[in-house]
C-alpha atoms as a PDB file:
ATOM      1  CA  MET A   1      66.428  16.696  52.983  1.00  0.00           C
ATOM      2  CA  ASN A   2      69.186  15.281  55.104  1.00  0.00           C
ATOM      3  CA  LEU A   3      71.283  12.184  54.478  1.00  0.00           C
ATOM      4  CA  ASP A   4      72.753  10.593  57.593  1.00  0.00           C
ATOM      5  CA  GLN A   5      76.234   9.610  56.391  1.00  0.00           C
ATOM      6  CA  LYS A   6      76.631   7.092  59.209  1.00  0.00           C
ATOM      7  CA  THR A   7      73.419   5.110  58.617  1.00  0.00           C
ATOM      8  CA  GLY A   8      73.062   5.824  54.894  1.00  0.00           C
ATOM      9  CA  LEU A   9      69.429   6.793  55.446  1.00  0.00           C
ATOM     10  CA  MET A  10      67.566   9.864  54.279  1.00  0.00           C
ATOM     11  CA  ALA A  11      65.871  11.451  57.309  1.00  0.00           C
ATOM     12  CA  GLU A  12      62.747  12.412  55.354  1.00  0.00           C
ATOM     13  CA  ALA A  13      62.186   8.952  53.882  1.00  0.00           C
ATOM     14  CA  GLU A  14      60.111   6.225  55.429  1.00  0.00           C
ATOM     15  CA  TYR A  15      62.561   3.355  55.861  1.00  0.00           C
ATOM     16  CA  MET A  16      61.305  -0.097  54.923  1.00  0.00           C
ATOM     17  CA  PRO A  17      64.352  -2.421  55.066  1.00  0.00           C
ATOM     18  CA  SER A  18      64.686  -4.775  52.114  1.00  0.00           C
ATOM     19  CA  PRO A  19      66.614  -8.023  52.422  1.00  0.00           C
ATOM     20  CA  ASN A  20      67.543  -7.665  48.742  1.00  0.00           C
ATOM     21  CA  CYS A  21      70.872  -5.941  49.225  1.00  0.00           C
ATOM     22  CA  ASP A  22      74.421  -6.689  50.238  1.00  0.00           C
ATOM     23  CA  ALA A  23      77.792  -5.049  50.769  1.00  0.00           C
ATOM     24  CA  ARG A  24      79.334  -3.062  47.947  1.00  0.00           C
ATOM     25  CA  PRO A  25      82.757  -4.197  46.718  1.00  0.00           C
ATOM     26  CA  PRO A  26      85.549  -2.408  48.582  1.00  0.00           C
ATOM     27  CA  ASP A  27      87.337   0.565  47.025  1.00  0.00           C
ATOM     28  CA  LEU A  28      84.524   1.528  44.632  1.00  0.00           C
ATOM     29  CA  SER A  29      83.051   4.992  44.847  1.00  0.00           C
ATOM     30  CA  ILE A  30      79.377   5.646  44.246  1.00  0.00           C
ATOM     31  CA  ASP A  31      79.249   7.684  41.065  1.00  0.00           C
ATOM     32  CA  VAL A  32      75.972   6.934  39.250  1.00  0.00           C
ATOM     33  CA  ILE A  33      72.281   7.452  39.907  1.00  0.00           C
ATOM     34  CA  VAL A  34      69.961   5.158  37.964  1.00  0.00           C
ATOM     35  CA  VAL A  35      66.384   6.351  37.485  1.00  0.00           C
ATOM     36  CA  HIS A  36      63.790   3.601  37.104  1.00  0.00           C
ATOM     37  CA  CYS A  37      60.025   3.368  37.069  1.00  0.00           C
ATOM     38  CA  ILE A  38      57.715   0.663  38.351  1.00  0.00           C
ATOM     39  CA  SER A  39      54.045   0.023  38.948  1.00  0.00           C
ATOM     40  CA  LEU A  40      52.435  -3.099  40.360  1.00  0.00           C
ATOM     41  CA  PRO A  41      50.444  -4.491  38.811  1.00  0.00           C
ATOM     42  CA  PRO A  42      51.628  -2.815  35.603  1.00  0.00           C
ATOM     43  CA  GLY A  43      49.815   0.456  34.991  1.00  0.00           C
ATOM     44  CA  VAL A  44      48.202   0.542  38.439  1.00  0.00           C
ATOM     45  CA  PHE A  45      49.266   3.270  40.846  1.00  0.00           C
ATOM     46  CA  GLY A  46      48.801   3.483  44.603  1.00  0.00           C
ATOM     47  CA  GLY A  47      48.697   0.733  47.155  1.00  0.00           C
ATOM     48  CA  THR A  48      51.590  -1.100  48.745  1.00  0.00           C
ATOM     49  CA  ALA A  49      52.495  -3.753  46.158  1.00  0.00           C
ATOM     50  CA  ILE A  50      55.831  -2.151  45.206  1.00  0.00           C
ATOM     51  CA  GLN A  51      56.932  -1.923  48.825  1.00  0.00           C
ATOM     52  CA  GLU A  52      55.828  -5.505  49.461  1.00  0.00           C
ATOM     53  CA  PHE A  53      57.704  -6.674  46.352  1.00  0.00           C
ATOM     54  CA  PHE A  54      60.960  -4.979  47.377  1.00  0.00           C
ATOM     55  CA  CYS A  55      60.637  -6.447  50.894  1.00  0.00           C
ATOM     56  CA  ASN A  56      59.785  -9.993  49.686  1.00  0.00           C
ATOM     57  CA  GLN A  57      56.296  -9.726  51.182  1.00  0.00           C
ATOM     58  CA  LEU A  58      54.160  -9.570  48.022  1.00  0.00           C
ATOM     59  CA  ASP A  59      51.286 -12.072  47.884  1.00  0.00           C
ATOM     60  CA  PHE A  60      51.901 -13.541  44.441  1.00  0.00           C
ATOM     61  CA  GLU A  61      48.354 -14.919  44.313  1.00  0.00           C
ATOM     62  CA  CYS A  62      46.774 -11.432  44.348  1.00  0.00           C
ATOM     63  CA  HIS A  63      47.230 -10.747  40.631  1.00  0.00           C
ATOM     64  CA  PRO A  64      48.092 -12.947  37.624  1.00  0.00           C
ATOM     65  CA  TYR A  65      51.078 -10.746  36.708  1.00  0.00           C
ATOM     66  CA  TYR A  66      52.686 -11.417  40.075  1.00  0.00           C
ATOM     67  CA  GLN A  67      53.310 -15.028  39.045  1.00  0.00           C
ATOM     68  CA  GLU A  68      55.719 -13.711  36.382  1.00  0.00           C
ATOM     69  CA  ILE A  69      57.843 -11.940  38.992  1.00  0.00           C
ATOM     70  CA  ALA A  70      57.531 -14.429  41.857  1.00  0.00           C
ATOM     71  CA  GLU A  71      61.153 -15.607  41.586  1.00  0.00           C
ATOM     72  CA  LEU A  72      62.692 -12.135  41.427  1.00  0.00           C
ATOM     73  CA  ARG A  73      64.562 -10.671  44.378  1.00  0.00           C
ATOM     74  CA  VAL A  74      65.009  -6.971  43.684  1.00  0.00           C
ATOM     75  CA  SER A  75      65.113  -3.678  45.512  1.00  0.00           C
ATOM     76  CA  SER A  76      66.027  -0.075  45.048  1.00  0.00           C
ATOM     77  CA  HIS A  77      67.514   2.465  47.378  1.00  0.00           C
ATOM     78  CA  PHE A  78      64.513   4.775  47.003  1.00  0.00           C
ATOM     79  CA  LEU A  79      60.954   4.874  45.669  1.00  0.00           C
ATOM     80  CA  ILE A  80      59.097   8.104  44.957  1.00  0.00           C
ATOM     81  CA  LYS A  81      55.347   7.540  44.929  1.00  0.00           C
ATOM     82  CA  ARG A  82      53.007   9.497  42.611  1.00  0.00           C
ATOM     83  CA  ASP A  83      52.202  11.949  45.435  1.00  0.00           C
ATOM     84  CA  GLY A  84      55.896  12.552  46.180  1.00  0.00           C
ATOM     85  CA  VAL A  85      56.136  10.347  49.263  1.00  0.00           C
ATOM     86  CA  LEU A  86      59.732   9.143  49.588  1.00  0.00           C
ATOM     87  CA  LEU A  87      60.439   5.581  50.729  1.00  0.00           C
ATOM     88  CA  GLN A  88      63.866   4.049  51.299  1.00  0.00           C
ATOM     89  CA  PHE A  89      64.592   0.317  51.172  1.00  0.00           C
ATOM     90  CA  VAL A  90      68.389   0.116  51.278  1.00  0.00           C
ATOM     91  CA  PRO A  91      70.936   2.408  52.975  1.00  0.00           C
ATOM     92  CA  VAL A  92      73.016   4.147  50.314  1.00  0.00           C
ATOM     93  CA  HIS A  93      76.289   2.614  51.491  1.00  0.00           C
ATOM     94  CA  LEU A  94      74.904  -0.866  50.664  1.00  0.00           C
ATOM     95  CA  ARG A  95      74.293  -2.346  47.208  1.00  0.00           C
ATOM     96  CA  ALA A  96      70.624  -2.509  46.229  1.00  0.00           C
ATOM     97  CA  TRP A  97      69.647  -5.048  43.581  1.00  0.00           C
ATOM     98  CA  HIS A  98      68.084  -2.708  41.023  1.00  0.00           C
ATOM     99  CA  ALA A  99      70.149  -2.682  37.817  1.00  0.00           C
ATOM    100  CA  GLY A 100      70.497  -6.370  36.943  1.00  0.00           C
ATOM    101  CA  LEU A 101      72.700  -7.175  33.970  1.00  0.00           C
ATOM    102  CA  SER A 102      74.030  -3.715  33.187  1.00  0.00           C
ATOM    103  CA  GLN A 103      76.941  -1.610  31.996  1.00  0.00           C
ATOM    104  CA  PHE A 104      77.971   2.041  32.302  1.00  0.00           C
ATOM    105  CA  GLN A 105      80.965   3.542  30.517  1.00  0.00           C
ATOM    106  CA  GLY A 106      82.556   0.131  30.043  1.00  0.00           C
ATOM    107  CA  ARG A 107      81.970  -1.004  33.640  1.00  0.00           C
ATOM    108  CA  SER A 108      79.605  -3.894  34.298  1.00  0.00           C
ATOM    109  CA  CYS A 109      77.682  -4.661  37.493  1.00  0.00           C
ATOM    110  CA  VAL A 110      76.250  -1.151  37.827  1.00  0.00           C
ATOM    111  CA  ASN A 111      74.693  -2.054  41.199  1.00  0.00           C
ATOM    112  CA  ASP A 112      78.230  -1.977  42.609  1.00  0.00           C
ATOM    113  CA  PHE A 113      78.689   1.775  42.152  1.00  0.00           C
ATOM    114  CA  SER A 114      75.194   3.229  41.779  1.00  0.00           C
ATOM    115  CA  ILE A 115      72.157   4.396  43.690  1.00  0.00           C
ATOM    116  CA  GLY A 116      68.800   3.252  42.334  1.00  0.00           C
ATOM    117  CA  ILE A 117      65.782   5.533  42.468  1.00  0.00           C
ATOM    118  CA  GLU A 118      62.395   4.186  41.396  1.00  0.00           C
ATOM    119  CA  LEU A 119      59.531   6.424  40.356  1.00  0.00           C
ATOM    120  CA  GLU A 120      56.037   5.004  40.616  1.00  0.00           C
ATOM    121  CA  GLY A 121      54.988   5.065  36.993  1.00  0.00           C
ATOM    122  CA  THR A 122      55.195   3.358  33.623  1.00  0.00           C
ATOM    123  CA  ASP A 123      57.568   3.521  30.664  1.00  0.00           C
ATOM    124  CA  ASP A 124      54.941   5.157  28.452  1.00  0.00           C
ATOM    125  CA  ALA A 125      53.310   7.688  30.802  1.00  0.00           C
ATOM    126  CA  GLY A 126      54.441  10.958  32.293  1.00  0.00           C
ATOM    127  CA  PHE A 127      55.334  11.601  35.895  1.00  0.00           C
ATOM    128  CA  GLU A 128      53.854  13.939  38.482  1.00  0.00           C
ATOM    129  CA  GLU A 129      55.170  17.397  39.375  1.00  0.00           C
ATOM    130  CA  ARG A 130      55.768  16.330  42.970  1.00  0.00           C
ATOM    131  CA  GLN A 131      57.819  13.327  41.817  1.00  0.00           C
ATOM    132  CA  TYR A 132      60.148  15.595  39.848  1.00  0.00           C
ATOM    133  CA  GLU A 133      60.500  17.930  42.832  1.00  0.00           C
ATOM    134  CA  VAL A 134      61.394  15.127  45.241  1.00  0.00           C
ATOM    135  CA  LEU A 135      63.650  13.385  42.705  1.00  0.00           C
ATOM    136  CA  SER A 136      65.573  16.583  42.011  1.00  0.00           C
ATOM    137  CA  GLU A 137      66.017  17.440  45.688  1.00  0.00           C
ATOM    138  CA  LEU A 138      67.069  13.882  46.521  1.00  0.00           C
ATOM    139  CA  THR A 139      69.532  13.864  43.626  1.00  0.00           C
ATOM    140  CA  ARG A 140      71.098  17.166  44.707  1.00  0.00           C
ATOM    141  CA  ILE A 141      71.604  15.792  48.240  1.00  0.00           C
ATOM    142  CA  LEU A 142      73.156  12.600  46.862  1.00  0.00           C
ATOM    143  CA  MET A 143      75.424  14.594  44.529  1.00  0.00           C
ATOM    144  CA  GLN A 144      76.666  16.595  47.530  1.00  0.00           C
ATOM    145  CA  ALA A 145      77.300  13.412  49.527  1.00  0.00           C
ATOM    146  CA  PHE A 146      78.958  11.628  46.593  1.00  0.00           C
ATOM    147  CA  PRO A 147      80.810  14.241  44.483  1.00  0.00           C
ATOM    148  CA  ALA A 148      81.669  11.676  41.790  1.00  0.00           C
ATOM    149  CA  ILE A 149      77.981  11.729  40.806  1.00  0.00           C
ATOM    150  CA  THR A 150      77.843  14.374  38.106  1.00  0.00           C
ATOM    151  CA  LEU A 151      75.097  15.386  35.686  1.00  0.00           C
ATOM    152  CA  ASN A 152      76.426  13.010  33.027  1.00  0.00           C
ATOM    153  CA  HIS A 153      76.193  10.198  35.602  1.00  0.00           C
ATOM    154  CA  LEU A 154      72.405  10.555  35.955  1.00  0.00           C
ATOM    155  CA  VAL A 155      71.063   7.756  33.780  1.00  0.00           C
ATOM    156  CA  GLY A 156      67.973   5.692  33.157  1.00  0.00           C
ATOM    157  CA  HIS A 157      67.696   1.946  33.432  1.00  0.00           C
ATOM    158  CA  CYS A 158      67.339   2.042  29.645  1.00  0.00           C
ATOM    159  CA  ASP A 159      70.830   3.562  29.358  1.00  0.00           C
ATOM    160  CA  ILE A 160      72.606   0.854  31.354  1.00  0.00           C
ATOM    161  CA  ALA A 161      70.567  -2.101  30.042  1.00  0.00           C
ATOM    162  CA  PRO A 162      69.579  -1.113  26.481  1.00  0.00           C
ATOM    163  CA  GLY A 163      67.334  -3.590  24.723  1.00  0.00           C
ATOM    164  CA  ARG A 164      66.489  -5.206  28.046  1.00  0.00           C
ATOM    165  CA  LYS A 165      64.936  -2.261  29.890  1.00  0.00           C
ATOM    166  CA  ALA A 166      63.042   0.825  28.677  1.00  0.00           C
ATOM    167  CA  ASP A 167      62.436   2.723  31.905  1.00  0.00           C
ATOM    168  CA  PRO A 168      61.950   5.421  32.848  1.00  0.00           C
ATOM    169  CA  GLY A 169      60.700   5.733  29.260  1.00  0.00           C
ATOM    170  CA  PRO A 170      59.860   8.551  26.869  1.00  0.00           C
ATOM    171  CA  GLY A 171      57.501  10.170  29.378  1.00  0.00           C
ATOM    172  CA  PHE A 172      60.429  11.128  31.613  1.00  0.00           C
ATOM    173  CA  ASP A 173      61.678  14.701  31.116  1.00  0.00           C
ATOM    174  CA  TRP A 174      65.489  14.420  31.261  1.00  0.00           C
ATOM    175  CA  VAL A 175      66.054  18.085  30.433  1.00  0.00           C
ATOM    176  CA  ARG A 176      63.821  19.196  33.280  1.00  0.00           C
ATOM    177  CA  TYR A 177      65.453  16.752  35.695  1.00  0.00           C
ATOM    178  CA  THR A 178      69.084  17.566  34.901  1.00  0.00           C
ATOM    179  CA  LYS A 179      68.388  21.308  34.851  1.00  0.00           C
ATOM    180  CA  ALA A 180      66.825  21.056  38.333  1.00  0.00           C
ATOM    181  CA  CYS A 181      69.888  19.151  39.568  1.00  0.00           C
ATOM    182  CA  SER A 182      72.495  21.592  38.298  1.00  0.00           C
END
């Protein structure tokens, strides 16, 4: 994988620009990766609903659950589908809106200094082999590009928003992931 430092885009990712991003505050280094999981509707894999949601193109009439999220404007830098396909929504030098109300090591507004990576999945299910492979390779590339991202700065949404978020959940193998990134 190759990250274009100028554009902030990963060459191997399909780029689908999300409007749900903005400039990062000046003088902050990127030093955290936040791992999330998402499926739309919940528990359903495949399709394009996640991409449509992150790009504000989801038809909220297609499923009753979508009414609950109709007002949300969120994104992530990356999404790794169940088959390992890598999508990018926000260049890494911009702030994606993925963490919400959050805190890491005493610092709030985790979106300001993090990269968000979504895995297509649920909090209570496992993830696919190919997802781990792509996630690990992507993380290693990001760690090279942003040396302040260290193994102890690879966190889940549950770690930065405890009590509010549970993803990526107990089905995510942290030992496997961090070992593959070291």
